[in-house]
Amino acid sequence: MTMTPMSTSPRSVKTSPASVDVSWYCYLSVLAVVLNTNNASPWTNEFDKIELSCLIESISTTNPRIEWKKITSEGPSYVYFDKKISGDLENRAVIREPATLLITNATRSDTAKYRCEVTAADDQKSFDEIVIDLVVRVKPVVPKCSVPKSVPFGKSAELSCVEEEGFPKSQYKWFKNKEELPDDPKTSLKFFNSSYTLSAETGTLKFIAVRKEDAGEYFCRAQNDAGSTQCAAQHMEVYDIDIVGIILGVLVVVVVLLCITVGICCAYKQGYFSSQKQTGNNYKVPAKGDGVDYVRTEDEGDFRHKSSFVI
């Protein structure tokens, strides 16, 4: 019995379009460097550590080139180049494999944008980068507070509070007798009668017309996301103006001046302020007339004349 040999020609294998797309996607992902980060906007307090994550999710090059740059208004500058920390972060940062930057002692000058760049020569997409925006928060220092010691009743008064070291910029709160003043006094029954305006941005507390109830111990607190500080309490006194006393004092001064003026006038009339006094020593002897001789008597200044005849 003769058997018919079976065909040994290869059969065509049909591949679904979906499987082709998946294979092609995997192929491309292997040949492309792809970066990612855990936090694109990290923050930390001054003198603390902070991690700027730069994660390599896909790469085929075994030894890629990794660089970090700090971007400021003056332009980019290297902080990691040729496998060395440099620039502002020298001796204050390290690289955690493969590309994460760890700052061990952050300062306020580190606030900036940082760019992680990875170059992979063996990958079809050989370059990728991510930008991380770092904020270093700075706690406020003790603010400078100015509180007037005494203010007349009904007059205006201004209290000031200034602090310039904190970052972000400090916001201000005022306290009276250890109780916080509301931004609007009309929202509080306790401060309803007060007439002040308060600026949380500038730290200024202005009274339009102080009242007796406004007297007390005042202090200011400066605060931001990093913390808060406050100045020492200062006392402000509100006193009454004695209108009657002021008027009486003015009248007394006027009367005294009038009396002095009248006295001076009377003294002039009595001759107490004459520039010269007629005495025997300064009496001016009249000129001799013809035929008249003057004889001085024993009484000084007493002159008598005698007649003489000329023949």
Protein backbone atom coordinates (compact mmCIF):
# COMPACT_ATOMS: atom_id res chain seq x y z
CA MET A 1 0.00 0.00 0.00
CA THR A 2 1.41 3.23 -1.07
CA MET A 3 0.98 6.10 1.33
CA THR A 4 0.79 9.64 0.10
CA PRO A 5 3.31 11.72 1.85
CA MET A 6 1.94 14.69 3.77
CA SER A 7 2.89 18.16 2.75
CA THR A 8 5.67 19.61 4.80
CA SER A 9 5.32 23.19 3.54
CA PRO A 10 5.10 25.68 6.35
CA ARG A 11 1.75 27.14 7.21
CA SER A 12 1.33 30.86 7.47
CA VAL A 13 0.73 32.12 10.99
CA LYS A 14 -1.77 34.92 11.36
CA THR A 15 -0.88 37.58 13.93
CA SER A 16 -3.54 39.87 15.32
CA PRO A 17 -2.99 43.61 14.97
CA ALA A 18 -3.26 43.99 18.76
CA SER A 19 -0.29 41.73 19.44
CA VAL A 20 1.78 43.63 16.88
CA ASP A 21 1.00 46.96 18.55
CA VAL A 22 1.95 45.68 22.00
CA SER A 23 5.26 44.30 20.73
CA TRP A 24 6.07 47.54 18.95
CA TYR A 25 5.21 49.62 22.06
CA CYS A 26 7.47 47.45 24.23
CA TYR A 27 10.24 47.80 21.69
CA LEU A 28 9.97 51.57 21.65
CA SER A 29 9.80 51.86 25.45
CA VAL A 30 13.03 49.92 25.80
CA LEU A 31 14.77 52.27 23.37
CA ALA A 32 13.59 55.50 25.07
CA VAL A 33 14.76 57.16 28.27
CA VAL A 34 11.77 58.23 30.38
CA LEU A 35 11.98 60.29 33.60
CA ASN A 36 9.47 60.88 36.35
CA THR A 37 9.34 62.39 39.86
CA ASN A 38 7.52 61.74 43.10
CA ASN A 39 7.05 65.45 43.80
CA ALA A 40 7.40 68.28 41.30
CA SER A 41 6.91 71.02 43.94
CA PRO A 42 8.64 69.99 47.17
CA TRP A 43 9.21 72.30 50.14
CA THR A 44 11.23 72.21 53.33
CA ASN A 45 12.14 74.45 56.26
CA GLU A 46 15.52 76.15 56.34
CA PHE A 47 18.38 73.93 57.57
CA ASP A 48 16.35 70.73 57.01
CA LYS A 49 17.02 68.14 54.30
CA ILE A 50 14.96 67.70 51.14
CA GLU A 51 14.92 65.15 48.32
CA LEU A 52 14.49 66.13 44.68
CA SER A 53 13.44 62.88 43.08
CA CYS A 54 14.43 62.08 39.51
CA LEU A 55 13.26 58.56 38.62
CA ILE A 56 14.40 56.76 35.45
CA GLU A 57 11.42 54.66 34.45
CA SER A 58 12.82 53.37 31.15
CA ILE A 59 16.34 53.16 29.73
CA SER A 60 18.56 50.67 27.88
CA THR A 61 21.87 52.53 28.13
CA THR A 62 23.94 51.08 30.94
CA ASN A 63 25.86 54.21 31.82
CA PRO A 64 23.74 57.32 31.07
CA ARG A 65 24.97 60.86 31.62
CA ILE A 66 23.14 62.55 34.52
CA GLU A 67 23.18 66.28 35.19
CA TRP A 68 21.37 68.65 37.57
CA LYS A 69 21.03 72.38 36.91
CA LYS A 70 19.72 75.19 39.09
CA ILE A 71 17.61 77.69 37.15
CA THR A 72 17.41 81.28 38.40
CA SER A 73 16.73 84.69 36.85
CA GLU A 74 20.41 84.86 35.97
CA GLY A 75 20.20 81.63 33.99
CA PRO A 76 21.00 77.91 34.61
CA SER A 77 24.05 76.76 36.55
CA TYR A 78 25.39 73.26 37.29
CA VAL A 79 24.88 71.72 40.71
CA TYR A 80 25.75 68.17 39.56
CA PHE A 81 28.06 67.58 36.62
CA ASP A 82 30.55 64.88 35.69
CA LYS A 83 29.45 62.85 38.73
CA LYS A 84 30.34 65.65 41.15
CA ILE A 85 28.26 68.07 43.25
CA SER A 86 29.23 71.65 42.42
CA GLY A 87 28.07 75.23 42.66
CA ASP A 88 25.70 76.31 45.44
CA LEU A 89 25.18 72.74 46.70
CA GLU A 90 28.82 71.73 47.06
CA ASN A 91 29.30 69.88 50.39
CA ARG A 92 25.56 70.10 51.04
CA ALA A 93 24.10 67.50 48.68
CA VAL A 94 24.55 63.92 47.44
CA ILE A 95 23.19 61.83 44.56
CA ARG A 96 21.02 58.85 45.37
CA GLU A 97 21.18 56.27 42.60
CA PRO A 98 20.31 56.52 39.95
CA ALA A 99 19.54 60.25 39.66
CA THR A 100 17.79 61.64 42.77
CA LEU A 101 19.35 64.75 44.37
CA LEU A 102 19.34 64.94 48.18
CA ILE A 103 20.05 68.34 49.80
CA THR A 104 21.19 67.71 53.37
CA ASN A 105 21.14 71.30 54.67
CA ALA A 106 18.78 73.55 52.76
CA THR A 107 19.12 77.33 52.95
CA ARG A 108 16.87 80.15 51.77
CA SER A 109 19.09 80.69 48.74
CA ASP A 110 18.20 77.18 47.53
CA THR A 111 14.69 78.29 46.62
CA ALA A 112 14.63 77.87 42.82
CA LYS A 113 13.76 75.55 39.95
CA TYR A 114 16.00 72.51 39.41
CA ARG A 115 16.26 70.50 36.19
CA CYS A 116 17.26 66.84 36.04
CA GLU A 117 18.70 65.88 32.65
CA VAL A 118 19.52 62.32 31.52
CA THR A 119 21.27 61.49 28.25
CA ALA A 120 21.26 57.84 27.06
CA ALA A 121 23.38 57.36 23.96
CA ASP A 122 22.16 53.79 23.22
CA ASP A 123 18.46 54.66 23.30
CA GLN A 124 16.47 55.74 20.30
CA LYS A 125 15.03 58.62 22.39
CA SER A 126 18.31 59.53 24.01
CA PHE A 127 17.36 62.52 26.17
CA ASP A 128 14.75 63.42 28.78
CA GLU A 129 14.40 66.02 31.55
CA ILE A 130 12.09 67.03 34.39
CA VAL A 131 11.85 70.33 36.28
CA ILE A 132 11.33 70.48 40.05
CA ASP A 133 10.28 73.70 41.82
CA LEU A 134 11.83 73.82 45.31
CA VAL A 135 10.70 76.21 48.07
CA VAL A 136 12.75 76.61 51.27
CA ARG A 137 10.58 78.18 53.95
CA VAL A 138 12.17 80.55 56.49
CA LYS A 139 10.69 81.14 59.94
CA PRO A 140 10.09 84.82 60.81
CA VAL A 141 12.41 86.59 63.24
CA VAL A 142 11.09 88.64 66.18
CA PRO A 143 9.20 91.58 64.63
CA LYS A 144 9.90 95.21 65.47
CA CYS A 145 6.82 96.63 67.17
CA SER A 146 6.03 100.31 67.78
CA VAL A 147 3.29 101.17 70.31
CA PRO A 148 2.68 104.76 71.55
CA LYS A 149 2.98 105.03 75.33
CA SER A 150 0.13 107.51 75.75
CA VAL A 151 -2.56 108.91 73.46
CA PRO A 152 -5.12 111.67 74.16
CA PHE A 153 -8.73 110.55 74.26
CA GLY A 154 -10.41 110.95 70.87
CA LYS A 155 -7.15 111.33 68.95
CA SER A 156 -5.76 108.95 66.28
CA ALA A 157 -2.99 106.43 66.96
CA GLU A 158 -0.91 104.04 64.85
CA LEU A 159 0.82 100.82 65.91
CA SER A 160 3.32 99.17 63.55
CA CYS A 161 4.84 95.68 63.24
CA VAL A 162 7.64 94.82 60.78
CA GLU A 163 9.56 91.60 60.01
CA GLU A 164 11.56 91.08 56.80
CA GLU A 165 13.37 87.73 57.17
CA GLY A 166 10.52 85.24 56.85
CA PHE A 167 9.72 83.38 53.62
CA PRO A 168 7.04 83.23 52.40
CA LYS A 169 6.22 86.80 53.44
CA SER A 170 4.88 87.01 56.97
CA GLN A 171 1.28 87.75 57.91
CA TYR A 172 0.61 89.78 61.06
CA LYS A 173 -1.80 89.54 63.98
CA TRP A 174 -2.27 92.03 66.82
CA PHE A 175 -3.20 91.12 70.40
CA LYS A 176 -4.59 93.25 73.22
CA ASN A 177 -4.24 91.90 76.75
CA LYS A 178 -3.35 88.48 75.19
CA GLU A 179 -6.56 88.39 73.13
CA GLU A 180 -6.39 88.48 69.33
CA LEU A 181 -7.91 91.53 67.66
CA PRO A 182 -10.35 90.65 64.86
CA ASP A 183 -9.70 92.15 61.43
CA ASP A 184 -13.04 93.96 61.69
CA PRO A 185 -13.97 95.18 65.20
CA LYS A 186 -17.66 95.18 64.29
CA THR A 187 -17.60 91.37 64.15
CA SER A 188 -16.81 91.12 67.88
CA LEU A 189 -19.00 92.27 70.75
CA LYS A 190 -15.91 92.94 72.86
CA PHE A 191 -14.30 95.27 70.33
CA PHE A 192 -17.48 96.59 68.71
CA ASN A 193 -16.97 100.16 70.00
CA SER A 194 -13.35 100.34 68.82
CA SER A 195 -12.63 102.30 65.66
CA TYR A 196 -9.51 100.72 64.18
CA THR A 197 -8.32 99.20 60.91
CA LEU A 198 -5.88 96.28 60.80
CA SER A 199 -3.73 95.17 57.87
CA ALA A 200 -2.49 91.57 58.06
CA GLU A 201 -0.12 92.22 55.12
CA THR A 202 1.65 95.33 56.44
CA GLY A 203 1.21 94.78 60.20
CA THR A 204 -0.29 98.25 60.75
CA LEU A 205 -2.98 98.84 63.40
CA LYS A 206 -4.60 102.29 63.12
CA PHE A 207 -7.07 103.82 65.58
CA ILE A 208 -9.24 106.58 64.12
CA ALA A 209 -10.25 107.90 67.56
CA VAL A 210 -9.01 106.10 70.67
CA ARG A 211 -11.34 105.42 73.59
CA LYS A 212 -10.65 104.67 77.22
CA GLU A 213 -11.38 100.99 76.48
CA ASP A 214 -8.51 100.92 73.95
CA ALA A 215 -5.87 101.25 76.68
CA GLY A 216 -3.98 98.02 77.44
CA GLU A 217 -1.04 95.73 76.65
CA TYR A 218 -0.42 95.28 72.92
CA PHE A 219 1.89 92.89 71.03
CA CYS A 220 2.18 91.62 67.45
CA ARG A 221 2.76 88.14 66.03
CA ALA A 222 4.41 87.47 62.67
CA GLN A 223 3.74 84.08 61.08
CA ASN A 224 4.12 82.10 57.87
CA ASP A 225 4.16 78.43 56.85
CA ALA A 226 7.50 77.90 58.62
CA GLY A 227 6.45 79.19 62.04
CA SER A 228 5.70 82.31 64.07
CA THR A 229 7.35 84.78 66.47
CA GLN A 230 6.07 87.74 68.46
CA CYS A 231 7.37 90.91 70.07
CA ALA A 232 7.16 91.82 73.75
CA ALA A 233 3.95 93.42 75.01
CA GLN A 234 3.90 97.22 75.33
CA HIS A 235 1.41 99.33 77.28
CA MET A 236 -0.67 102.06 75.63
CA GLU A 237 -2.35 104.60 77.91
CA VAL A 238 -5.35 106.75 76.95
CA TYR A 239 -5.73 110.01 78.91
CA ASP A 240 -8.29 112.84 78.97
CA ILE A 241 -7.46 116.35 77.82
CA ASP A 242 -8.28 118.95 80.63
CA ILE A 243 -9.85 121.70 78.53
CA VAL A 244 -10.89 123.80 81.56
CA GLY A 245 -7.40 123.63 83.01
CA ILE A 246 -5.86 124.69 79.70
CA ILE A 247 -8.21 127.70 79.42
CA LEU A 248 -7.54 128.79 83.01
CA GLY A 249 -3.81 128.49 82.46
CA VAL A 250 -4.00 130.70 79.38
CA LEU A 251 -6.06 133.32 81.26
CA VAL A 252 -3.54 133.39 84.11
CA VAL A 253 -0.69 133.97 81.67
CA VAL A 254 -2.62 136.81 79.97
CA VAL A 255 -3.39 138.52 83.31
CA VAL A 256 0.26 138.28 84.39
CA LEU A 257 1.43 139.80 81.12
CA LEU A 258 -1.07 142.67 81.47
CA CYS A 259 0.09 143.40 85.01
CA ILE A 260 3.71 143.48 83.91
CA THR A 261 2.86 145.83 81.03
CA VAL A 262 0.93 148.25 83.30
CA GLY A 263 3.75 148.22 85.85
CA ILE A 264 6.34 149.10 83.22
CA CYS A 265 4.22 151.96 81.91
CA CYS A 266 3.76 153.41 85.42
CA ALA A 267 7.49 153.14 86.07
CA TYR A 268 8.24 155.14 82.94
CA LYS A 269 5.79 157.84 83.97
CA GLN A 270 7.42 158.13 87.42
CA GLY A 271 10.79 158.51 85.79
CA TYR A 272 12.34 155.36 87.17
CA PHE A 273 13.75 154.53 83.78
CA SER A 274 15.28 158.03 83.03
CA SER A 275 18.64 157.76 81.38
CA GLN A 276 20.21 160.64 83.36
CA LYS A 277 19.65 162.23 86.79
CA GLN A 278 20.40 165.89 87.35
CA THR A 279 22.90 166.37 90.22
CA GLY A 280 25.38 168.97 91.26
CA ASN A 281 28.15 167.10 89.55
CA ASN A 282 26.60 167.01 86.15
CA TYR A 283 24.68 170.27 86.22
CA LYS A 284 25.65 172.40 83.28
CA VAL A 285 26.62 175.92 84.24
CA PRO A 286 24.98 178.50 82.02
CA ALA A 287 27.22 180.83 80.11
CA LYS A 288 28.25 184.03 81.81
CA GLY A 289 26.50 187.16 80.78
CA ASP A 290 28.14 190.49 80.44
CA GLY A 291 28.57 192.07 83.79
CA VAL A 292 27.49 189.02 85.79
CA ASP A 293 29.79 186.95 88.00
CA TYR A 294 28.77 183.61 89.43
CA VAL A 295 29.87 182.59 92.89
CA ARG A 296 29.64 179.02 94.14
CA THR A 297 28.32 178.65 97.66
CA GLU A 298 29.08 175.92 100.18
CA ASP A 299 26.09 173.94 99.04
CA GLU A 300 27.28 172.00 96.02
CA GLY A 301 25.51 172.95 92.91
CA ASP A 302 24.09 176.24 94.32
CA PHE A 303 25.29 179.19 92.26
CA ARG A 304 24.57 182.86 92.95
CA HIS A 305 25.45 185.82 90.85
CA LYS A 306 26.61 189.32 91.72
CA SER A 307 26.44 192.42 89.69
CA SER A 308 29.53 194.23 88.46
CA PHE A 309 29.68 197.48 86.69
CA VAL A 310 32.10 198.15 83.99
CA ILE A 311 33.06 201.79 83.49
